[in-house]
mmCIF file of all heavy atoms, coordinates in Angstrom:
data_MODEL
# 
_entry.id   MODEL 
# 
loop_
_atom_site.group_PDB 
_atom_site.id 
_atom_site.type_symbol 
_atom_site.label_atom_id 
_atom_site.label_alt_id 
_atom_site.label_comp_id 
_atom_site.label_asym_id 
_atom_site.label_entity_id 
_atom_site.label_seq_id 
_atom_site.pdbx_PDB_ins_code 
_atom_site.Cartn_x 
_atom_site.Cartn_y 
_atom_site.Cartn_z 
_atom_site.occupancy 
_atom_site.B_iso_or_equiv 
_atom_site.pdbx_formal_charge 
_atom_site.auth_seq_id 
_atom_site.auth_comp_id 
_atom_site.auth_asym_id 
_atom_site.auth_atom_id 
_atom_site.pdbx_PDB_model_num 
ATOM 1   N N   . GLU A 1 1  ? -9.208  -7.247 -0.539 1.00 0.00 ? 1  GLU A N   1 
ATOM 2   C CA  . GLU A 1 1  ? -9.964  -6.038 -0.859 1.00 0.00 ? 1  GLU A CA  1 
ATOM 3   C C   . GLU A 1 1  ? -9.912  -5.039 0.295  1.00 0.00 ? 1  GLU A C   1 
ATOM 4   O O   . GLU A 1 1  ? -9.681  -3.837 0.090  1.00 0.00 ? 1  GLU A O   1 
ATOM 5   C CB  . GLU A 1 1  ? -11.417 -6.392 -1.189 1.00 0.00 ? 1  GLU A CB  1 
ATOM 6   C CG  . GLU A 1 1  ? -12.272 -5.192 -1.555 1.00 0.00 ? 1  GLU A CG  1 
ATOM 7   C CD  . GLU A 1 1  ? -13.702 -5.575 -1.892 1.00 0.00 ? 1  GLU A CD  1 
ATOM 8   O OE1 . GLU A 1 1  ? -14.038 -6.781 -1.849 1.00 0.00 ? 1  GLU A OE1 1 
ATOM 9   O OE2 . GLU A 1 1  ? -14.503 -4.663 -2.190 1.00 0.00 ? 1  GLU A OE2 1 
ATOM 10  N N   . PHE A 1 2  ? -10.124 -5.524 1.513  1.00 0.00 ? 2  PHE A N   1 
ATOM 11  C CA  . PHE A 1 2  ? -10.123 -4.624 2.665  1.00 0.00 ? 2  PHE A CA  1 
ATOM 12  C C   . PHE A 1 2  ? -8.720  -4.071 2.919  1.00 0.00 ? 2  PHE A C   1 
ATOM 13  O O   . PHE A 1 2  ? -8.559  -2.903 3.286  1.00 0.00 ? 2  PHE A O   1 
ATOM 14  C CB  . PHE A 1 2  ? -10.633 -5.347 3.912  1.00 0.00 ? 2  PHE A CB  1 
ATOM 15  C CG  . PHE A 1 2  ? -10.790 -4.438 5.106  1.00 0.00 ? 2  PHE A CG  1 
ATOM 16  C CD1 . PHE A 1 2  ? -11.802 -3.483 5.138  1.00 0.00 ? 2  PHE A CD1 1 
ATOM 17  C CD2 . PHE A 1 2  ? -9.937  -4.535 6.195  1.00 0.00 ? 2  PHE A CD2 1 
ATOM 18  C CE1 . PHE A 1 2  ? -11.952 -2.644 6.224  1.00 0.00 ? 2  PHE A CE1 1 
ATOM 19  C CE2 . PHE A 1 2  ? -10.074 -3.689 7.288  1.00 0.00 ? 2  PHE A CE2 1 
ATOM 20  C CZ  . PHE A 1 2  ? -11.094 -2.739 7.299  1.00 0.00 ? 2  PHE A CZ  1 
ATOM 21  N N   . SER A 1 3  ? -7.693  -4.887 2.708  1.00 0.00 ? 3  SER A N   1 
ATOM 22  C CA  . SER A 1 3  ? -6.315  -4.436 2.910  1.00 0.00 ? 3  SER A CA  1 
ATOM 23  C C   . SER A 1 3  ? -5.964  -3.341 1.910  1.00 0.00 ? 3  SER A C   1 
ATOM 24  O O   . SER A 1 3  ? -5.302  -2.355 2.256  1.00 0.00 ? 3  SER A O   1 
ATOM 25  C CB  . SER A 1 3  ? -5.345  -5.615 2.782  1.00 0.00 ? 3  SER A CB  1 
ATOM 26  O OG  . SER A 1 3  ? -5.587  -6.580 3.784  1.00 0.00 ? 3  SER A OG  1 
ATOM 27  N N   . ARG A 1 4  ? -6.388  -3.499 0.670  1.00 0.00 ? 4  ARG A N   1 
ATOM 28  C CA  . ARG A 1 4  ? -6.169  -2.458 -0.333 1.00 0.00 ? 4  ARG A CA  1 
ATOM 29  C C   . ARG A 1 4  ? -6.889  -1.169 0.061  1.00 0.00 ? 4  ARG A C   1 
ATOM 30  O O   . ARG A 1 4  ? -6.343  -0.071 -0.089 1.00 0.00 ? 4  ARG A O   1 
ATOM 31  C CB  . ARG A 1 4  ? -6.666  -2.932 -1.703 1.00 0.00 ? 4  ARG A CB  1 
ATOM 32  C CG  . ARG A 1 4  ? -5.790  -3.983 -2.355 1.00 0.00 ? 4  ARG A CG  1 
ATOM 33  C CD  . ARG A 1 4  ? -6.400  -4.481 -3.665 1.00 0.00 ? 4  ARG A CD  1 
ATOM 34  N NE  . ARG A 1 4  ? -5.560  -5.494 -4.293 1.00 0.00 ? 4  ARG A NE  1 
ATOM 35  C CZ  . ARG A 1 4  ? -4.573  -5.236 -5.130 1.00 0.00 ? 4  ARG A CZ  1 
ATOM 36  N NH1 . ARG A 1 4  ? -4.308  -3.962 -5.454 1.00 0.00 ? 4  ARG A NH1 1 
ATOM 37  N NH2 . ARG A 1 4  ? -3.842  -6.199 -5.659 1.00 0.00 ? 4  ARG A NH2 1 
ATOM 38  N N   . GLU A 1 5  ? -8.077  -1.310 0.584  1.00 0.00 ? 5  GLU A N   1 
ATOM 39  C CA  . GLU A 1 5  ? -8.840  -0.129 1.003  1.00 0.00 ? 5  GLU A CA  1 
ATOM 40  C C   . GLU A 1 5  ? -8.130  0.590  2.146  1.00 0.00 ? 5  GLU A C   1 
ATOM 41  O O   . GLU A 1 5  ? -8.076  1.827  2.184  1.00 0.00 ? 5  GLU A O   1 
ATOM 42  C CB  . GLU A 1 5  ? -10.255 -0.557 1.414  1.00 0.00 ? 5  GLU A CB  1 
ATOM 43  C CG  . GLU A 1 5  ? -11.235 0.582  1.583  1.00 0.00 ? 5  GLU A CG  1 
ATOM 44  C CD  . GLU A 1 5  ? -11.198 1.167  2.980  1.00 0.00 ? 5  GLU A CD  1 
ATOM 45  O OE1 . GLU A 1 5  ? -10.982 0.404  3.939  1.00 0.00 ? 5  GLU A OE1 1 
ATOM 46  O OE2 . GLU A 1 5  ? -11.396 2.392  3.121  1.00 0.00 ? 5  GLU A OE2 1 
ATOM 47  N N   . CYS A 1 6  ? -7.552  -0.170 3.084  1.00 0.00 ? 6  CYS A N   1 
ATOM 48  C CA  . CYS A 1 6  ? -6.812  0.430  4.199  1.00 0.00 ? 6  CYS A CA  1 
ATOM 49  C C   . CYS A 1 6  ? -5.591  1.182  3.686  1.00 0.00 ? 6  CYS A C   1 
ATOM 50  O O   . CYS A 1 6  ? -5.281  2.292  4.162  1.00 0.00 ? 6  CYS A O   1 
ATOM 51  C CB  . CYS A 1 6  ? -6.382  -0.645 5.201  1.00 0.00 ? 6  CYS A CB  1 
ATOM 52  S SG  . CYS A 1 6  ? -7.728  -1.323 6.195  1.00 0.00 ? 6  CYS A SG  1 
ATOM 53  N N   . LEU A 1 7  ? -4.889  0.604  2.729  1.00 0.00 ? 7  LEU A N   1 
ATOM 54  C CA  . LEU A 1 7  ? -3.715  1.264  2.152  1.00 0.00 ? 7  LEU A CA  1 
ATOM 55  C C   . LEU A 1 7  ? -4.097  2.564  1.457  1.00 0.00 ? 7  LEU A C   1 
ATOM 56  O O   . LEU A 1 7  ? -3.445  3.597  1.628  1.00 0.00 ? 7  LEU A O   1 
ATOM 57  C CB  . LEU A 1 7  ? -3.010  0.326  1.177  1.00 0.00 ? 7  LEU A CB  1 
ATOM 58  C CG  . LEU A 1 7  ? -2.148  -0.760 1.805  1.00 0.00 ? 7  LEU A CG  1 
ATOM 59  C CD1 . LEU A 1 7  ? -1.821  -1.861 0.802  1.00 0.00 ? 7  LEU A CD1 1 
ATOM 60  C CD2 . LEU A 1 7  ? -0.857  -0.155 2.367  1.00 0.00 ? 7  LEU A CD2 1 
ATOM 61  N N   . GLU A 1 8  ? -5.162  2.524  0.675  1.00 0.00 ? 8  GLU A N   1 
ATOM 62  C CA  . GLU A 1 8  ? -5.594  3.730  -0.014 1.00 0.00 ? 8  GLU A CA  1 
ATOM 63  C C   . GLU A 1 8  ? -6.047  4.792  0.982  1.00 0.00 ? 8  GLU A C   1 
ATOM 64  O O   . GLU A 1 8  ? -5.813  5.989  0.783  1.00 0.00 ? 8  GLU A O   1 
ATOM 65  C CB  . GLU A 1 8  ? -6.708  3.386  -1.004 1.00 0.00 ? 8  GLU A CB  1 
ATOM 66  C CG  . GLU A 1 8  ? -6.210  2.546  -2.173 1.00 0.00 ? 8  GLU A CG  1 
ATOM 67  C CD  . GLU A 1 8  ? -7.326  2.075  -3.086 1.00 0.00 ? 8  GLU A CD  1 
ATOM 68  O OE1 . GLU A 1 8  ? -8.503  2.385  -2.790 1.00 0.00 ? 8  GLU A OE1 1 
ATOM 69  O OE2 . GLU A 1 8  ? -7.016  1.402  -4.087 1.00 0.00 ? 8  GLU A OE2 1 
ATOM 70  N N   . PHE A 1 9  ? -6.668  4.359  2.068  1.00 0.00 ? 9  PHE A N   1 
ATOM 71  C CA  . PHE A 1 9  ? -7.128  5.296  3.097  1.00 0.00 ? 9  PHE A CA  1 
ATOM 72  C C   . PHE A 1 9  ? -5.969  6.078  3.704  1.00 0.00 ? 9  PHE A C   1 
ATOM 73  O O   . PHE A 1 9  ? -6.081  7.282  3.967  1.00 0.00 ? 9  PHE A O   1 
ATOM 74  C CB  . PHE A 1 9  ? -7.881  4.545  4.194  1.00 0.00 ? 9  PHE A CB  1 
ATOM 75  C CG  . PHE A 1 9  ? -8.385  5.419  5.305  1.00 0.00 ? 9  PHE A CG  1 
ATOM 76  C CD1 . PHE A 1 9  ? -9.580  6.108  5.172  1.00 0.00 ? 9  PHE A CD1 1 
ATOM 77  C CD2 . PHE A 1 9  ? -7.660  5.576  6.482  1.00 0.00 ? 9  PHE A CD2 1 
ATOM 78  C CE1 . PHE A 1 9  ? -10.047 6.930  6.196  1.00 0.00 ? 9  PHE A CE1 1 
ATOM 79  C CE2 . PHE A 1 9  ? -8.107  6.389  7.499  1.00 0.00 ? 9  PHE A CE2 1 
ATOM 80  C CZ  . PHE A 1 9  ? -9.317  7.075  7.356  1.00 0.00 ? 9  PHE A CZ  1 
ATOM 81  N N   . VAL A 1 10 ? -4.833  5.409  3.921  1.00 0.00 ? 10 VAL A N   1 
ATOM 82  C CA  . VAL A 1 10 ? -3.689  6.088  4.546  1.00 0.00 ? 10 VAL A CA  1 
ATOM 83  C C   . VAL A 1 10 ? -2.825  6.817  3.520  1.00 0.00 ? 10 VAL A C   1 
ATOM 84  O O   . VAL A 1 10 ? -1.839  7.459  3.884  1.00 0.00 ? 10 VAL A O   1 
ATOM 85  C CB  . VAL A 1 10 ? -2.812  5.114  5.363  1.00 0.00 ? 10 VAL A CB  1 
ATOM 86  C CG1 . VAL A 1 10 ? -3.641  4.429  6.455  1.00 0.00 ? 10 VAL A CG1 1 
ATOM 87  C CG2 . VAL A 1 10 ? -2.133  4.090  4.469  1.00 0.00 ? 10 VAL A CG2 1 
ATOM 88  N N   . GLY A 1 11 ? -3.178  6.701  2.235  1.00 0.00 ? 11 GLY A N   1 
ATOM 89  C CA  . GLY A 1 11 ? -2.449  7.450  1.220  1.00 0.00 ? 11 GLY A CA  1 
ATOM 90  C C   . GLY A 1 11 ? -1.426  6.660  0.433  1.00 0.00 ? 11 GLY A C   1 
ATOM 91  O O   . GLY A 1 11 ? -0.612  7.244  -0.286 1.00 0.00 ? 11 GLY A O   1 
ATOM 92  N N   . VAL A 1 12 ? -1.452  5.330  0.552  1.00 0.00 ? 12 VAL A N   1 
ATOM 93  C CA  . VAL A 1 12 ? -0.574  4.480  -0.261 1.00 0.00 ? 12 VAL A CA  1 
ATOM 94  C C   . VAL A 1 12 ? -1.445  3.880  -1.358 1.00 0.00 ? 12 VAL A C   1 
ATOM 95  O O   . VAL A 1 12 ? -2.254  2.985  -1.105 1.00 0.00 ? 12 VAL A O   1 
ATOM 96  C CB  . VAL A 1 12 ? 0.086   3.371  0.582  1.00 0.00 ? 12 VAL A CB  1 
ATOM 97  C CG1 . VAL A 1 12 ? 0.973   2.489  -0.298 1.00 0.00 ? 12 VAL A CG1 1 
ATOM 98  C CG2 . VAL A 1 12 ? 0.894   3.971  1.718  1.00 0.00 ? 12 VAL A CG2 1 
ATOM 99  N N   . ARG A 1 13 ? -1.277  4.370  -2.576 1.00 0.00 ? 13 ARG A N   1 
ATOM 100 C CA  . ARG A 1 13 ? -2.204  4.011  -3.658 1.00 0.00 ? 13 ARG A CA  1 
ATOM 101 C C   . ARG A 1 13 ? -1.560  3.205  -4.769 1.00 0.00 ? 13 ARG A C   1 
ATOM 102 O O   . ARG A 1 13 ? -2.219  2.882  -5.763 1.00 0.00 ? 13 ARG A O   1 
ATOM 103 C CB  . ARG A 1 13 ? -2.840  5.287  -4.234 1.00 0.00 ? 13 ARG A CB  1 
ATOM 104 C CG  . ARG A 1 13 ? -3.686  6.034  -3.199 1.00 0.00 ? 13 ARG A CG  1 
ATOM 105 C CD  . ARG A 1 13 ? -4.340  7.279  -3.754 1.00 0.00 ? 13 ARG A CD  1 
ATOM 106 N NE  . ARG A 1 13 ? -5.216  7.876  -2.764 1.00 0.00 ? 13 ARG A NE  1 
ATOM 107 C CZ  . ARG A 1 13 ? -4.806  8.731  -1.821 1.00 0.00 ? 13 ARG A CZ  1 
ATOM 108 N NH1 . ARG A 1 13 ? -3.524  9.088  -1.782 1.00 0.00 ? 13 ARG A NH1 1 
ATOM 109 N NH2 . ARG A 1 13 ? -5.658  9.218  -0.955 1.00 0.00 ? 13 ARG A NH2 1 
ATOM 110 N N   . GLU A 1 14 ? -0.283  2.875  -4.615 1.00 0.00 ? 14 GLU A N   1 
ATOM 111 C CA  . GLU A 1 14 ? 0.391   2.081  -5.631 1.00 0.00 ? 14 GLU A CA  1 
ATOM 112 C C   . GLU A 1 14 ? 1.560   1.337  -4.999 1.00 0.00 ? 14 GLU A C   1 
ATOM 113 O O   . GLU A 1 14 ? 1.891   1.568  -3.830 1.00 0.00 ? 14 GLU A O   1 
ATOM 114 C CB  . GLU A 1 14 ? 0.894   2.977  -6.770 1.00 0.00 ? 14 GLU A CB  1 
ATOM 115 C CG  . GLU A 1 14 ? 1.853   4.057  -6.309 1.00 0.00 ? 14 GLU A CG  1 
ATOM 116 C CD  . GLU A 1 14 ? 2.245   4.992  -7.456 1.00 0.00 ? 14 GLU A CD  1 
ATOM 117 O OE1 . GLU A 1 14 ? 1.683   4.859  -8.544 1.00 0.00 ? 14 GLU A OE1 1 
ATOM 118 O OE2 . GLU A 1 14 ? 3.130   5.833  -7.234 1.00 0.00 ? 14 GLU A OE2 1 
ATOM 119 N N   . GLY A 1 15 ? 2.153   0.435  -5.776 1.00 0.00 ? 15 GLY A N   1 
ATOM 120 C CA  . GLY A 1 15 ? 3.291   -0.329 -5.268 1.00 0.00 ? 15 GLY A CA  1 
ATOM 121 C C   . GLY A 1 15 ? 2.906   -1.400 -4.276 1.00 0.00 ? 15 GLY A C   1 
ATOM 122 O O   . GLY A 1 15 ? 3.732   -1.808 -3.449 1.00 0.00 ? 15 GLY A O   1 
ATOM 123 N N   . PHE A 1 16 ? 1.673   -1.917 -4.352 1.00 0.00 ? 16 PHE A N   1 
ATOM 124 C CA  . PHE A 1 16 ? 1.219   -2.923 -3.395 1.00 0.00 ? 16 PHE A CA  1 
ATOM 125 C C   . PHE A 1 16 ? 2.043   -4.207 -3.454 1.00 0.00 ? 16 PHE A C   1 
ATOM 126 O O   . PHE A 1 16 ? 2.123   -4.934 -2.467 1.00 0.00 ? 16 PHE A O   1 
ATOM 127 C CB  . PHE A 1 16 ? -0.258  -3.261 -3.629 1.00 0.00 ? 16 PHE A CB  1 
ATOM 128 C CG  . PHE A 1 16 ? -1.218  -2.132 -3.362 1.00 0.00 ? 16 PHE A CG  1 
ATOM 129 C CD1 . PHE A 1 16 ? -2.557  -2.249 -3.707 1.00 0.00 ? 16 PHE A CD1 1 
ATOM 130 C CD2 . PHE A 1 16 ? -0.794  -0.951 -2.762 1.00 0.00 ? 16 PHE A CD2 1 
ATOM 131 C CE1 . PHE A 1 16 ? -3.453  -1.216 -3.467 1.00 0.00 ? 16 PHE A CE1 1 
ATOM 132 C CE2 . PHE A 1 16 ? -1.683  0.087  -2.516 1.00 0.00 ? 16 PHE A CE2 1 
ATOM 133 C CZ  . PHE A 1 16 ? -3.011  -0.038 -2.876 1.00 0.00 ? 16 PHE A CZ  1 
ATOM 134 N N   . ASP A 1 17 ? 2.624   -4.489 -4.624 1.00 0.00 ? 17 ASP A N   1 
ATOM 135 C CA  . ASP A 1 17 ? 3.387   -5.727 -4.793 1.00 0.00 ? 17 ASP A CA  1 
ATOM 136 C C   . ASP A 1 17 ? 4.877   -5.550 -4.510 1.00 0.00 ? 17 ASP A C   1 
ATOM 137 O O   . ASP A 1 17 ? 5.646   -6.495 -4.628 1.00 0.00 ? 17 ASP A O   1 
ATOM 138 C CB  . ASP A 1 17 ? 3.198   -6.267 -6.212 1.00 0.00 ? 17 ASP A CB  1 
ATOM 139 C CG  . ASP A 1 17 ? 1.763   -6.711 -6.471 1.00 0.00 ? 17 ASP A CG  1 
ATOM 140 O OD1 . ASP A 1 17 ? 1.110   -7.151 -5.506 1.00 0.00 ? 17 ASP A OD1 1 
ATOM 141 O OD2 . ASP A 1 17 ? 1.295   -6.598 -7.619 1.00 0.00 ? 17 ASP A OD2 1 
ATOM 142 N N   . ARG A 1 18 ? 5.281   -4.347 -4.140 1.00 0.00 ? 18 ARG A N   1 
ATOM 143 C CA  . ARG A 1 18 ? 6.675   -4.113 -3.788 1.00 0.00 ? 18 ARG A CA  1 
ATOM 144 C C   . ARG A 1 18 ? 6.964   -4.647 -2.393 1.00 0.00 ? 18 ARG A C   1 
ATOM 145 O O   . ARG A 1 18 ? 6.079   -4.711 -1.533 1.00 0.00 ? 18 ARG A O   1 
ATOM 146 C CB  . ARG A 1 18 ? 6.995   -2.613 -3.806 1.00 0.00 ? 18 ARG A CB  1 
ATOM 147 C CG  . ARG A 1 18 ? 7.098   -1.999 -5.171 1.00 0.00 ? 18 ARG A CG  1 
ATOM 148 C CD  . ARG A 1 18 ? 7.458   -0.526 -5.076 1.00 0.00 ? 18 ARG A CD  1 
ATOM 149 N NE  . ARG A 1 18 ? 8.701   -0.293 -4.348 1.00 0.00 ? 18 ARG A NE  1 
ATOM 150 C CZ  . ARG A 1 18 ? 9.221   0.911  -4.141 1.00 0.00 ? 18 ARG A CZ  1 
ATOM 151 N NH1 . ARG A 1 18 ? 8.580   1.999  -4.584 1.00 0.00 ? 18 ARG A NH1 1 
ATOM 152 N NH2 . ARG A 1 18 ? 10.355  1.057  -3.489 1.00 0.00 ? 18 ARG A NH2 1 
ATOM 153 N N   . GLU A 1 19 ? 8.227   -5.022 -2.161 1.00 0.00 ? 19 GLU A N   1 
ATOM 154 C CA  . GLU A 1 19 ? 8.630   -5.381 -0.802 1.00 0.00 ? 19 GLU A CA  1 
ATOM 155 C C   . GLU A 1 19 ? 8.480   -4.150 0.074  1.00 0.00 ? 19 GLU A C   1 
ATOM 156 O O   . GLU A 1 19 ? 8.987   -3.075 -0.252 1.00 0.00 ? 19 GLU A O   1 
ATOM 157 C CB  . GLU A 1 19 ? 10.077  -5.874 -0.796 1.00 0.00 ? 19 GLU A CB  1 
ATOM 158 C CG  . GLU A 1 19 ? 10.523  -6.424 0.547  1.00 0.00 ? 19 GLU A CG  1 
ATOM 159 C CD  . GLU A 1 19 ? 11.923  -7.017 0.485  1.00 0.00 ? 19 GLU A CD  1 
ATOM 160 O OE1 . GLU A 1 19 ? 12.217  -7.711 -0.508 1.00 0.00 ? 19 GLU A OE1 1 
ATOM 161 O OE2 . GLU A 1 19 ? 12.703  -6.753 1.418  1.00 0.00 ? 19 GLU A OE2 1 
ATOM 162 N N   . ALA A 1 20 ? 7.791   -4.282 1.188  1.00 0.00 ? 20 ALA A N   1 
ATOM 163 C CA  . ALA A 1 20 ? 7.409   -3.133 1.997  1.00 0.00 ? 20 ALA A CA  1 
ATOM 164 C C   . ALA A 1 20 ? 8.606   -2.306 2.464  1.00 0.00 ? 20 ALA A C   1 
ATOM 165 O O   . ALA A 1 20 ? 8.542   -1.077 2.517  1.00 0.00 ? 20 ALA A O   1 
ATOM 166 C CB  . ALA A 1 20 ? 6.581   -3.591 3.199  1.00 0.00 ? 20 ALA A CB  1 
ATOM 167 N N   . THR A 1 21 ? 9.697   -2.988 2.800  1.00 0.00 ? 21 THR A N   1 
ATOM 168 C CA  . THR A 1 21 ? 10.852  -2.275 3.363  1.00 0.00 ? 21 THR A CA  1 
ATOM 169 C C   . THR A 1 21 ? 11.646  -1.510 2.309  1.00 0.00 ? 21 THR A C   1 
ATOM 170 O O   . THR A 1 21 ? 12.619  -0.842 2.648  1.00 0.00 ? 21 THR A O   1 
ATOM 171 C CB  . THR A 1 21 ? 11.776  -3.249 4.108  1.00 0.00 ? 21 THR A CB  1 
ATOM 172 O OG1 . THR A 1 21 ? 12.128  -4.339 3.256  1.00 0.00 ? 21 THR A OG1 1 
ATOM 173 C CG2 . THR A 1 21 ? 11.076  -3.793 5.354  1.00 0.00 ? 21 THR A CG2 1 
ATOM 174 N N   . THR A 1 22 ? 11.241  -1.601 1.038  1.00 0.00 ? 22 THR A N   1 
ATOM 175 C CA  . THR A 1 22 ? 11.915  -0.809 -0.009 1.00 0.00 ? 22 THR A CA  1 
ATOM 176 C C   . THR A 1 22 ? 11.232  0.536  -0.231 1.00 0.00 ? 22 THR A C   1 
ATOM 177 O O   . THR A 1 22 ? 11.738  1.361  -0.999 1.00 0.00 ? 22 THR A O   1 
ATOM 178 C CB  . THR A 1 22 ? 11.951  -1.575 -1.345 1.00 0.00 ? 22 THR A CB  1 
ATOM 179 O OG1 . THR A 1 22 ? 10.617  -1.719 -1.853 1.00 0.00 ? 22 THR A OG1 1 
ATOM 180 C CG2 . THR A 1 22 ? 12.593  -2.939 -1.176 1.00 0.00 ? 22 THR A CG2 1 
ATOM 181 N N   . LEU A 1 23 ? 10.107  0.758  0.420  1.00 0.00 ? 23 LEU A N   1 
ATOM 182 C CA  . LEU A 1 23 ? 9.409   2.028  0.278  1.00 0.00 ? 23 LEU A CA  1 
ATOM 183 C C   . LEU A 1 23 ? 10.162  3.136  1.006  1.00 0.00 ? 23 LEU A C   1 
ATOM 184 O O   . LEU A 1 23 ? 10.952  2.871  1.921  1.00 0.00 ? 23 LEU A O   1 
ATOM 185 C CB  . LEU A 1 23 ? 7.991   1.935  0.856  1.00 0.00 ? 23 LEU A CB  1 
ATOM 186 C CG  . LEU A 1 23 ? 6.994   0.995  0.177  1.00 0.00 ? 23 LEU A CG  1 
ATOM 187 C CD1 . LEU A 1 23 ? 5.669   1.048  0.918  1.00 0.00 ? 23 LEU A CD1 1 
ATOM 188 C CD2 . LEU A 1 23 ? 6.801   1.345  -1.281 1.00 0.00 ? 23 LEU A CD2 1 
ATOM 189 N N   . ALA A 1 24 ? 9.874   4.377  0.626  1.00 0.00 ? 24 ALA A N   1 
ATOM 190 C CA  . ALA A 1 24 ? 10.400  5.517  1.381  1.00 0.00 ? 24 ALA A CA  1 
ATOM 191 C C   . ALA A 1 24 ? 9.902   5.427  2.823  1.00 0.00 ? 24 ALA A C   1 
ATOM 192 O O   . ALA A 1 24 ? 8.826   4.891  3.096  1.00 0.00 ? 24 ALA A O   1 
ATOM 193 C CB  . ALA A 1 24 ? 9.941   6.822  0.735  1.00 0.00 ? 24 ALA A CB  1 
# 
């Protein structure tokens, strides 16, 4: 829950289950 909140705080609101290194 806290990790999701941190992601949303920095502006990453979707794709949580994607491999991180595939993101822009």
